Protein backbone atom coordinates (compact mmCIF):
# COMPACT_ATOMS: atom_id res chain seq x y z
CA MET A 1 19.20 -16.97 -4.25
CA GLU A 2 20.40 -13.67 -2.76
CA ILE A 3 19.48 -10.17 -4.00
CA ASN A 4 21.38 -7.06 -2.94
CA ALA A 5 18.82 -4.24 -2.83
CA LEU A 6 20.82 -2.02 -0.47
CA GLY A 7 20.32 1.66 -1.30
CA GLN A 8 17.41 0.97 -3.65
CA ALA A 9 14.24 3.01 -3.19
CA CYS A 10 10.73 1.61 -2.96
CA PRO A 11 9.35 -0.31 -4.84
CA LEU A 12 12.55 -1.78 -6.37
CA PRO A 13 13.31 -4.28 -3.56
CA VAL A 14 9.76 -5.67 -3.79
CA ILE A 15 9.84 -5.87 -7.59
CA LYS A 16 13.22 -7.61 -7.57
CA ALA A 17 12.00 -10.07 -4.93
CA LYS A 18 8.87 -10.87 -6.93
CA GLN A 19 10.89 -11.38 -10.10
CA ALA A 20 13.19 -13.78 -8.26
CA ILE A 21 10.22 -15.68 -6.81
CA ASN A 22 8.71 -16.03 -10.29
CA GLU A 23 12.00 -17.05 -11.92
CA HIS A 24 13.01 -19.48 -9.16
CA PRO A 25 9.77 -21.10 -7.90
CA GLY A 26 10.11 -22.92 -4.61
CA GLU A 27 13.60 -21.59 -4.02
CA GLU A 28 14.44 -19.63 -0.86
CA ILE A 29 15.00 -15.94 -1.68
CA ILE A 30 17.20 -13.66 0.44
CA ILE A 31 16.89 -9.89 -0.07
CA LEU A 32 19.30 -7.43 1.55
CA VAL A 33 17.75 -4.01 2.27
CA ASP A 34 18.81 -0.98 4.28
CA ASN A 35 15.63 0.15 6.06
CA GLU A 36 12.74 -1.22 8.10
CA ALA A 37 10.10 0.05 5.64
CA ALA A 38 11.58 -2.22 2.97
CA THR A 39 11.44 -5.19 5.35
CA GLU A 40 7.75 -4.50 6.02
CA ASN A 41 7.02 -4.23 2.30
CA LEU A 42 8.78 -7.54 1.65
CA LYS A 43 6.86 -9.23 4.48
CA LYS A 44 3.60 -7.97 2.95
CA LEU A 45 4.65 -9.27 -0.47
CA SER A 46 5.37 -12.72 0.94
CA GLY A 47 2.04 -12.71 2.78
CA THR A 48 0.05 -11.79 -0.33
CA MET A 49 1.79 -14.61 -2.20
CA GLY A 50 1.04 -17.17 0.53
CA MET A 51 4.71 -17.46 1.48
CA THR A 52 6.57 -16.93 4.76
CA SER A 53 9.23 -14.40 5.61
CA GLU A 54 11.86 -13.88 8.28
CA VAL A 55 13.76 -10.67 8.96
CA LYS A 56 17.19 -10.50 10.53
CA GLU A 57 18.95 -7.23 11.31
CA GLU A 58 22.61 -7.78 10.51
CA SER A 59 23.74 -4.22 11.31
CA PRO A 60 22.03 -0.83 11.79
CA ASN A 61 21.49 -0.38 8.03
CA VAL A 62 21.49 -3.95 6.73
CA TYR A 63 18.51 -6.28 6.99
CA ARG A 64 18.33 -9.80 5.59
CA VAL A 65 14.81 -10.82 4.55
CA LYS A 66 14.27 -14.51 3.79
CA ILE A 67 11.20 -15.46 1.77
CA SER A 68 10.36 -19.14 1.44
CA GLY A 69 7.53 -21.47 0.55
CA THR A 70 5.48 -22.05 -2.55
CA ARG A 71 3.76 -19.12 -4.19
CA GLU A 72 -0.03 -19.07 -4.39
CA VAL A 73 -1.27 -17.60 -7.66
CA ASN A 74 -3.89 -14.85 -7.25
CA SER A 75 -6.47 -14.53 -9.97
CA VAL A 76 -7.92 -11.26 -11.20
CA SER A 77 -11.23 -10.53 -9.52
CA SER A 78 -14.18 -9.89 -11.78
CA ASP A 79 -16.09 -8.29 -8.96
CA GLY A 80 -15.21 -5.67 -6.41
CA TYR A 81 -13.44 -2.38 -6.74
CA VAL A 82 -10.78 -0.15 -5.22
CA ILE A 83 -10.88 3.60 -4.80
CA VAL A 84 -7.81 5.64 -5.69
CA LEU A 85 -7.25 8.97 -3.95
CA ALA A 86 -4.27 10.61 -5.66
CA SER A 87 -5.04 14.09 -4.35
CA ASN A 88 -6.55 15.79 -1.32
CA GLU A 89 -9.01 17.52 -3.67
CA MET A 90 -11.76 16.27 -5.97
CA GLY A 91 -11.91 17.68 -9.47
CA GLY A 92 -10.44 20.96 -10.71
CA GLY A 93 -11.30 24.50 -9.75
CA ASP A 94 -11.31 26.03 -6.30
CA ALA A 95 -8.96 24.09 -3.99
CA ASP A 96 -11.01 24.56 -0.80
CA PHE A 97 -14.21 23.49 -2.57
CA GLY A 98 -12.37 20.47 -4.05
CA LYS A 99 -11.32 19.41 -0.53
CA LYS A 100 -14.94 19.63 0.68
CA LEU A 101 -16.10 17.57 -2.31
CA LEU A 102 -13.56 14.84 -1.50
CA GLU A 103 -14.66 14.79 2.15
CA GLY A 104 -18.24 14.32 0.95
CA PHE A 105 -17.16 11.55 -1.42
CA ILE A 106 -15.37 9.65 1.34
CA TYR A 107 -18.40 10.00 3.60
CA ALA A 108 -20.66 8.76 0.77
CA ILE A 109 -18.54 5.61 0.49
CA THR A 110 -19.48 4.72 4.10
CA GLU A 111 -23.14 4.68 3.00
CA GLN A 112 -22.71 2.40 -0.03
CA ASP A 113 -24.21 -1.09 -0.09
CA GLU A 114 -21.09 -2.48 -1.77
CA LEU A 115 -17.90 -1.29 -0.12
CA PRO A 116 -14.55 -1.19 -1.90
CA LYS A 117 -11.89 -3.80 -1.26
CA ALA A 118 -9.40 -1.01 -0.56
CA ILE A 119 -8.87 2.72 -0.59
CA LEU A 120 -5.47 3.56 -2.02
CA LEU A 121 -3.95 6.91 -1.06
CA TYR A 122 -0.90 8.35 -2.79
CA ASN A 123 0.63 11.73 -3.62
CA SER A 124 -1.33 14.41 -1.70
CA GLY A 125 -4.15 11.90 -1.18
CA VAL A 126 -2.23 10.76 1.93
CA TYR A 127 -3.43 13.94 3.67
CA MET A 128 -6.86 12.33 3.92
CA ALA A 129 -5.53 9.69 6.35
CA THR A 130 -3.22 12.01 8.28
CA GLU A 131 -4.56 15.54 8.72
CA ASN A 132 -8.18 15.71 7.54
CA LEU A 133 -10.10 14.87 10.72
CA LYS A 134 -13.47 14.42 8.98
CA SER A 135 -12.01 11.99 6.46
CA ILE A 136 -10.01 10.16 9.13
CA GLU A 137 -13.27 9.50 10.95
CA ASP A 138 -14.95 8.15 7.80
CA LEU A 139 -11.90 6.11 6.76
CA THR A 140 -11.82 4.60 10.26
CA ILE A 141 -15.46 3.54 9.85
CA LEU A 142 -14.59 1.93 6.51
CA ALA A 143 -11.53 0.17 7.96
CA GLY A 144 -13.78 -1.18 10.73
CA LYS A 145 -16.00 -2.67 8.02
CA GLY A 146 -13.06 -4.51 6.46
CA VAL A 147 -11.94 -1.99 3.82
CA GLU A 148 -8.14 -1.82 3.52
CA VAL A 149 -6.95 1.79 3.80
CA LEU A 150 -3.46 1.90 2.32
CA SER A 151 -1.20 4.96 2.15
CA CYS A 152 1.97 5.12 0.06
CA GLY A 153 4.99 5.18 2.40
CA LEU A 154 7.14 7.14 -0.06
CA CYS A 155 4.40 9.78 -0.31
CA LEU A 156 4.02 9.99 3.47
CA ASP A 157 7.78 10.54 3.71
CA PHE A 158 7.75 13.17 0.95
CA TYR A 159 5.06 15.23 2.71
CA GLY A 160 6.54 14.61 6.19
CA LEU A 161 3.39 12.81 7.33
CA LYS A 162 4.55 9.27 8.21
CA GLU A 163 4.27 9.88 11.96
CA LYS A 164 0.80 11.39 11.51
CA LEU A 165 -0.87 8.39 9.86
CA ALA A 166 -4.12 8.05 11.79
CA VAL A 167 -5.90 5.27 9.93
CA GLY A 168 -4.91 2.32 7.81
CA GLU A 169 -1.50 0.96 6.92
CA ILE A 170 1.59 2.09 5.10
CA THR A 171 2.11 0.34 1.78
CA ASN A 172 4.22 0.66 -1.34
CA MET A 173 3.63 1.46 -5.00
CA TYR A 174 4.00 -2.20 -5.95
CA ARG A 175 1.00 -3.16 -3.76
CA ILE A 176 -0.99 -0.17 -5.03
CA CYS A 177 -0.29 -1.22 -8.62
CA GLU A 178 -1.18 -4.83 -7.80
CA LEU A 179 -4.59 -3.85 -6.41
CA MET A 180 -5.27 -1.43 -9.26
CA THR A 181 -4.71 -4.23 -11.78
CA GLN A 182 -6.65 -6.80 -9.77
CA TYR A 183 -9.88 -4.80 -9.26
CA ARG A 184 -11.99 -2.22 -11.03
CA VAL A 185 -10.63 1.25 -10.17
CA VAL A 186 -12.77 4.21 -9.10
CA ARG A 187 -11.13 7.65 -9.19
CA PRO A 188 -13.13 10.58 -7.85
């Protein structure tokens, strides 16, 4: 099956690929996309589903992503949690004080007995992994302990921060949504 997702913004190519995988189990899925970020997101999708992927650049703005194999079904985890950072501030009120509170929160995570499965950064939360040196240090410690630090690629682009990502990986809203539905969510 072939899906034309050229010109479609994140997370549509991933969602369309997943729908095709679910509707056509065991069938090879080809997705056409127009940027490398989409190819990376599709490779991550195939990996989380226990499938394989191959990427072929057909022209400067056309990539063919082939996903094949049999999907592994992930069950919802009854234990574990993820932390969602949707802002570079914690709470309402004074912005500078809110930024200090969030820095303290991220540091406090490094001292917990039970660490989160992932820290999900989107909207202005991506600043914590790009420009806030104190938080980058603490997020690096957490990543070293096996915590996934995932920043929304669309958000990094919006704020002009993609090249400044200092810790963790770029992800997409589909993966963020997947983790938020799979684990208990903590929002500071």
